[in-house]
Amino acid sequence: MARGWESKSVEEQIEAAEVGSSSPDAEHLTQAQIELLWKKEGLQRSRARVLRDLEHCHNTRYREMLSAALAGLDEQISKLD
């Protein structure tokens, strides 16, 4: 199962790279801007995963931890905007 997830991730990264490289705006971005975009996308993926986990969680303490993590991710994302 882990192997399937790994290949799915690699496939998504390849697609993202192809889409990013074919975009005319990609040519005008600095290295710092590209790194900022990657960081923001990573935070947004983490936020989506935490939300998904929160929807399926029944343990009160774990829900509290996930809620705190979600608030932290939201804060980090807002700082990047």
Protein backbone atom coordinates (compact mmCIF):
# COMPACT_ATOMS: atom_id res chain seq x y z
CA MET A 1 0.00 0.00 0.00
CA ALA A 2 2.81 2.42 0.80
CA ARG A 3 4.24 1.83 -2.64
CA GLY A 4 0.96 2.85 -4.25
CA TRP A 5 0.86 6.09 -2.29
CA GLU A 6 4.47 6.81 -3.21
CA SER A 7 3.84 6.36 -6.92
CA LYS A 8 0.72 8.51 -6.69
CA SER A 9 2.76 11.28 -5.07
CA VAL A 10 5.46 11.04 -7.72
CA GLU A 11 2.82 11.16 -10.44
CA GLU A 12 1.27 14.30 -8.90
CA GLN A 13 4.70 15.94 -8.63
CA ILE A 14 5.44 15.21 -12.29
CA GLU A 15 2.10 16.66 -13.35
CA ALA A 16 2.64 19.75 -11.19
CA ALA A 17 6.09 20.24 -12.70
CA GLU A 18 4.71 19.91 -16.22
CA VAL A 19 1.89 22.36 -15.54
CA GLY A 20 4.26 24.77 -13.82
CA SER A 21 6.84 24.68 -16.57
CA SER A 22 4.26 25.21 -19.33
CA SER A 23 2.82 28.27 -17.60
CA PRO A 24 4.00 31.56 -19.08
CA ASP A 25 4.07 33.11 -15.59
CA ALA A 26 6.54 30.49 -14.40
CA GLU A 27 9.27 32.10 -16.49
CA HIS A 28 8.95 35.39 -14.60
CA LEU A 29 9.09 34.04 -11.04
CA THR A 30 12.20 34.42 -8.94
CA GLN A 31 13.63 31.53 -6.96
CA ALA A 32 12.27 33.09 -3.75
CA GLN A 33 8.76 33.33 -5.24
CA ILE A 34 8.89 29.72 -6.38
CA GLU A 35 10.00 28.57 -2.92
CA LEU A 36 7.17 30.60 -1.36
CA LEU A 37 4.64 28.95 -3.67
CA TRP A 38 5.96 25.48 -2.84
CA LYS A 39 5.84 26.21 0.89
CA LYS A 40 2.28 27.53 0.63
CA GLU A 41 1.17 24.48 -1.38
CA GLY A 42 2.76 22.18 1.19
CA LEU A 43 0.93 23.95 4.01
CA GLN A 44 -2.35 23.74 2.10
CA ARG A 45 -1.87 19.98 1.55
CA SER A 46 -1.13 19.55 5.25
CA ARG A 47 -4.24 21.56 6.10
CA ALA A 48 -6.37 19.34 3.86
CA ARG A 49 -4.95 16.21 5.51
CA VAL A 50 -5.63 17.58 9.01
CA LEU A 51 -9.19 18.47 8.01
CA ARG A 52 -9.74 14.98 6.64
CA ASP A 53 -8.35 13.43 9.83
CA LEU A 54 -10.51 15.74 11.94
CA GLU A 55 -13.66 14.64 10.10
CA HIS A 56 -12.97 10.98 10.90
CA CYS A 57 -11.67 11.38 14.43
CA HIS A 58 -13.69 10.27 17.45
CA ASN A 59 -11.09 10.69 20.19
CA THR A 60 -11.58 13.99 22.05
CA ARG A 61 -7.91 14.56 22.82
CA TYR A 62 -6.85 13.80 19.27
CA ARG A 63 -9.54 16.17 17.96
CA GLU A 64 -8.15 18.92 20.20
CA MET A 65 -4.65 18.27 18.88
CA LEU A 66 -5.86 18.32 15.28
CA SER A 67 -7.80 21.54 15.90
CA ALA A 68 -4.67 23.18 17.30
CA ALA A 69 -2.66 21.96 14.31
CA LEU A 70 -5.30 23.35 11.96
CA ALA A 71 -5.17 26.74 13.68
CA GLY A 72 -1.38 26.75 13.41
CA LEU A 73 -1.49 25.88 9.71
CA ASP A 74 -4.08 28.60 9.08
CA GLU A 75 -1.83 31.12 10.82
CA GLN A 76 1.19 30.08 8.76
CA ILE A 77 -0.79 30.26 5.52
CA SER A 78 -2.15 33.72 6.37
CA LYS A 79 1.41 34.97 7.00
CA LEU A 80 2.39 33.87 3.50
CA ASP A 81 -0.49 35.72 1.81
